[in-house]
Protein backbone atom coordinates (compact mmCIF):
# COMPACT_ATOMS: atom_id res chain seq x y z
CA MET A 1 0.00 0.00 0.00
CA PHE A 2 1.36 3.38 -1.04
CA CYS A 3 0.66 6.04 1.62
CA LEU A 4 0.44 9.72 0.69
CA PRO A 5 0.65 12.30 3.49
CA TYR A 6 -1.27 15.48 4.22
CA ALA A 7 -0.16 18.99 3.23
CA GLY A 8 3.13 19.91 4.82
CA GLY A 9 3.74 16.33 5.90
CA GLY A 10 6.34 13.84 4.78
CA ALA A 11 6.78 10.10 4.65
CA SER A 12 7.56 10.06 8.39
CA VAL A 13 3.83 10.55 9.05
CA PHE A 14 3.56 6.80 8.43
CA ASN A 15 6.73 5.69 10.25
CA SER A 16 4.87 3.87 13.01
CA TRP A 17 2.33 2.19 10.74
CA SER A 18 4.49 -0.79 9.81
CA ASN A 19 4.54 -1.86 13.46
CA SER A 20 0.75 -2.27 13.37
CA PHE A 21 0.39 -3.98 10.00
CA PRO A 22 0.79 -7.71 9.32
CA ASP A 23 3.65 -9.03 7.20
CA THR A 24 1.24 -9.74 4.35
CA ILE A 25 0.84 -5.98 3.79
CA GLU A 26 3.88 -3.99 2.69
CA LEU A 27 3.70 -0.25 3.29
CA GLN A 28 5.49 2.29 1.10
CA ALA A 29 5.26 5.87 2.35
CA VAL A 30 5.56 8.37 -0.49
CA GLN A 31 8.08 11.17 -0.02
CA LEU A 32 7.09 14.14 -2.16
CA PRO A 33 9.70 16.73 -3.20
CA GLY A 34 10.49 19.56 -0.80
CA ARG A 35 10.17 17.73 2.51
CA GLU A 36 12.33 15.69 4.88
CA SER A 37 14.88 13.64 2.88
CA ARG A 38 13.92 15.57 -0.28
CA TYR A 39 13.79 19.00 1.37
CA ASN A 40 16.23 20.66 -1.04
CA GLU A 41 14.31 19.58 -4.13
CA PRO A 42 11.94 22.10 -5.75
CA LYS A 43 8.45 22.04 -4.26
CA SER A 44 5.68 21.46 -6.77
CA THR A 45 2.42 23.41 -6.75
CA ASP A 46 1.05 21.57 -9.79
CA ILE A 47 -0.81 18.37 -8.96
CA HIS A 48 -0.55 17.06 -12.52
CA GLU A 49 3.23 17.50 -12.53
CA THR A 50 3.33 15.73 -9.17
CA VAL A 51 1.31 12.70 -10.23
CA LYS A 52 3.23 12.26 -13.48
CA ALA A 53 6.45 11.98 -11.49
CA LEU A 54 4.77 9.63 -9.02
CA ALA A 55 3.42 7.42 -11.80
CA ASP A 56 6.97 7.07 -13.13
CA SER A 57 8.32 6.24 -9.67
CA ILE A 58 5.84 3.53 -8.73
CA LYS A 59 5.67 1.82 -12.13
CA PRO A 60 8.23 -0.90 -11.19
CA TYR A 61 5.94 -1.95 -8.31
CA LEU A 62 2.73 -2.28 -10.28
CA ASP A 63 3.32 -5.93 -11.16
CA ARG A 64 1.58 -6.95 -7.92
CA PRO A 65 -1.75 -6.04 -6.27
CA TYR A 66 -1.57 -2.70 -4.49
CA ALA A 67 -3.70 -0.14 -2.69
CA LEU A 68 -3.47 3.62 -2.25
CA PHE A 69 -4.04 5.50 1.02
CA GLY A 70 -4.21 9.28 0.89
CA TYR A 71 -4.72 11.59 3.84
CA SER A 72 -6.11 15.08 3.19
CA MET A 73 -4.08 16.49 0.29
CA GLY A 74 -2.69 12.99 -0.13
CA ALA A 75 -6.18 11.74 -1.01
CA LEU A 76 -6.43 14.26 -3.82
CA VAL A 77 -2.97 13.28 -5.08
CA ALA A 78 -3.93 9.58 -4.91
CA PHE A 79 -7.08 10.26 -6.92
CA GLU A 80 -5.26 12.17 -9.66
CA LEU A 81 -2.48 9.55 -9.63
CA MET A 82 -5.11 6.91 -10.44
CA ARG A 83 -6.34 9.04 -13.32
CA GLU A 84 -2.79 9.40 -14.64
CA LEU A 85 -2.21 5.64 -14.36
CA ARG A 86 -5.45 4.98 -16.20
CA ARG A 87 -4.42 7.31 -19.02
CA ARG A 88 -1.15 5.38 -19.34
CA GLY A 89 -2.88 2.01 -19.32
CA ASP A 90 -1.04 0.96 -16.14
CA PRO A 91 -2.60 -1.34 -13.52
CA LEU A 92 -4.92 0.42 -11.08
CA PRO A 93 -5.12 -0.25 -7.34
CA ILE A 94 -7.45 -2.88 -5.94
CA GLN A 95 -8.50 -0.45 -3.18
CA LEU A 96 -8.46 3.31 -2.67
CA PHE A 97 -8.53 4.71 0.87
CA VAL A 98 -9.23 8.43 1.24
CA ALA A 99 -9.23 10.31 4.53
CA ALA A 100 -9.99 13.86 5.67
CA MET A 101 -10.58 15.17 2.15
CA ARG A 102 -13.74 16.33 0.44
CA ALA A 103 -14.66 14.51 -2.75
CA PRO A 104 -12.79 16.15 -5.65
CA GLN A 105 -15.95 17.18 -7.49
CA THR A 106 -17.30 19.13 -4.48
CA PRO A 107 -16.48 22.83 -4.00
CA PRO A 108 -13.86 23.69 -1.37
CA ILE A 109 -15.08 24.86 2.02
CA CYS A 110 -11.81 26.46 3.08
CA PRO A 111 -11.15 29.78 1.29
CA SER A 112 -8.10 30.23 -0.90
CA LEU A 113 -5.03 30.81 1.25
CA ALA A 114 -2.42 31.39 -1.43
CA ASP A 115 -2.12 35.17 -1.17
CA LEU A 116 -2.50 35.59 2.59
CA PRO A 117 0.38 36.93 4.70
CA ASN A 118 1.88 34.39 7.08
CA ASP A 119 -0.08 35.39 10.18
CA SER A 120 -3.43 35.27 8.39
CA PHE A 121 -2.45 32.07 6.58
CA LEU A 122 -1.67 30.33 9.87
CA GLU A 123 -4.82 31.66 11.51
CA GLU A 124 -6.98 30.22 8.72
CA MET A 125 -5.09 26.94 8.84
CA ARG A 126 -5.70 26.66 12.57
CA TYR A 127 -9.41 27.34 12.16
CA TYR A 128 -10.13 24.94 9.32
CA TYR A 129 -7.56 22.21 9.96
CA ASP A 130 -6.86 22.31 13.71
CA PRO A 131 -3.25 21.09 13.29
CA PRO A 132 -1.19 19.61 16.15
CA GLN A 133 -0.16 22.58 18.23
CA ASP A 134 3.18 21.20 19.38
CA ALA A 135 4.69 21.65 15.92
CA TRP A 136 3.10 25.03 15.30
CA ASN A 137 4.22 26.57 18.57
CA LEU A 138 7.92 26.19 17.77
CA PRO A 139 9.04 29.11 15.56
CA GLU A 140 12.19 27.32 14.35
CA LEU A 141 10.15 24.28 13.26
CA LEU A 142 7.41 26.40 11.73
CA GLU A 143 10.04 28.20 9.66
CA ILE A 144 10.96 24.84 8.10
CA ILE A 145 7.39 23.64 7.60
CA LEU A 146 5.81 26.84 6.30
CA PRO A 147 7.28 26.95 2.75
CA THR A 148 6.23 23.35 2.11
CA LEU A 149 2.82 23.92 3.66
CA ARG A 150 2.26 26.98 1.49
CA ALA A 151 3.30 25.11 -1.66
CA ASP A 152 0.94 22.26 -0.82
CA MET A 153 -1.97 24.57 -0.08
CA ASN A 154 -1.31 26.35 -3.38
CA MET A 155 -1.56 22.95 -5.07
CA CYS A 156 -4.93 22.35 -3.40
CA ASP A 157 -6.17 25.88 -4.10
CA GLY A 158 -5.26 25.54 -7.77
CA TYR A 159 -6.91 22.16 -8.23
CA ILE A 160 -9.58 22.05 -10.93
CA HIS A 161 -11.70 18.93 -11.16
CA ASN A 162 -12.31 17.68 -14.69
CA LEU A 163 -15.06 15.20 -15.43
CA GLU A 164 -13.83 11.68 -16.15
CA PRO A 165 -15.50 8.28 -15.69
CA PRO A 166 -15.55 6.84 -12.15
CA PHE A 167 -13.17 4.03 -11.26
CA ALA A 168 -13.99 0.33 -11.14
CA CYS A 169 -12.17 0.28 -7.81
CA PRO A 170 -13.76 0.22 -4.34
CA ILE A 171 -13.32 3.32 -2.21
CA TYR A 172 -13.19 3.41 1.58
CA ALA A 173 -13.47 6.93 2.98
CA PHE A 174 -12.76 8.26 6.47
CA ALA A 175 -13.88 11.56 7.99
CA GLY A 176 -13.58 13.47 11.24
CA GLN A 177 -16.92 14.32 12.82
CA ASP A 178 -15.84 17.90 13.56
CA ASP A 179 -13.55 18.52 10.57
CA ARG A 180 -14.30 22.05 9.35
CA SER A 181 -12.42 21.67 6.07
CA SER A 182 -13.88 18.31 5.00
CA PRO A 183 -16.96 17.42 7.07
CA PRO A 184 -18.53 13.98 6.62
CA ALA A 185 -21.18 15.22 4.17
CA VAL A 186 -18.62 16.19 1.52
CA VAL A 187 -16.34 13.22 2.20
CA ARG A 188 -19.32 10.94 1.54
CA GLU A 189 -19.50 12.25 -2.03
CA TRP A 190 -16.46 10.15 -2.91
CA ARG A 191 -19.10 7.50 -3.62
CA GLN A 192 -19.63 9.19 -6.99
CA GLN A 193 -16.06 8.34 -8.01
CA THR A 194 -16.51 4.55 -8.05
CA THR A 195 -18.72 2.01 -9.76
CA GLU A 196 -17.76 -0.53 -7.08
CA ASP A 197 -18.37 -0.67 -3.33
CA PHE A 198 -18.17 2.50 -1.29
CA ASP A 199 -17.75 2.46 2.49
CA MET A 200 -17.20 5.22 5.00
CA ASP A 201 -16.30 5.54 8.67
CA VAL A 202 -16.64 8.72 10.72
CA PHE A 203 -14.33 9.17 13.70
CA ASP A 204 -14.52 11.55 16.64
CA GLY A 205 -12.19 14.47 16.13
CA THR A 206 -11.28 17.25 13.74
CA HIS A 207 -9.12 17.19 10.61
CA PHE A 208 -6.18 15.40 12.21
CA PHE A 209 -8.05 12.37 13.49
CA ILE A 210 -5.04 10.47 12.13
CA ASN A 211 -3.52 11.40 15.51
CA THR A 212 -6.52 11.08 17.82
CA ALA A 213 -8.15 7.99 16.25
CA LEU A 214 -5.06 6.35 14.77
CA HIS A 215 -5.66 2.83 16.05
CA ASP A 216 -9.28 2.77 14.87
CA LEU A 217 -8.20 4.08 11.47
CA GLN A 218 -5.44 1.50 11.16
CA ARG A 219 -7.76 -1.33 12.22
CA ALA A 220 -10.26 -0.37 9.52
CA VAL A 221 -7.58 -0.29 6.83
CA ILE A 222 -5.98 -3.55 7.96
CA SER A 223 -9.34 -5.34 8.12
CA ARG A 224 -10.18 -4.29 4.57
CA LEU A 225 -6.77 -5.23 3.18
CA GLU A 226 -6.70 -8.60 4.95
CA ASN A 227 -10.09 -9.39 3.46
CA ILE A 228 -8.75 -8.50 0.00
CA VAL A 229 -5.60 -10.60 0.50
CA ARG A 230 -7.69 -13.63 1.50
CA HIS A 231 -9.53 -13.47 -1.80
CA LEU A 232 -6.54 -12.94 -4.09
């Protein structure tokens, strides 16, 4: 399963996940340019440029069944990655997991943040996304995170959904009950993007329920993947 992190996050978001997953499921956390081990690489604000590079990178691994898990911005990237793979005629995932992200065809709830000064940008981010405060209260850490976070939010702000056929791939969506940026009602609309089964779980918490409901989230993903593996 390829795991794509939220805006401003890197592959380390999923560092602890391998400890919870069985050996039958191999996790590959995606490291996008401009963060952590790739910090000095140019940050992309173009989702189509991003998914083309990703499609090239994962192609050697597509000779086996795989799933995609995207959290927040990562869900949008996973969705457009699937579209890019379909255009290329490459194998598609057997399961798409999307979390904390409105369905791509629904209008954004959060206003555009691209042109806001830093203070206003952070204030809006805190209101809509309720990020972990420990990271945001350290000026030296925020100085490192902010350029990547801005680039990622510009990518989301600039996203334009184009109509294409839904996927013949089941989708399992997850939402936070009190998420202001992607409440359950708009996450549920992911059902329009598949001709196969659609399931959804709603967890207590705001946008970052990946921290507050991690074990429940992992259990749901593992249960679904184990069921798939049994039937391969």
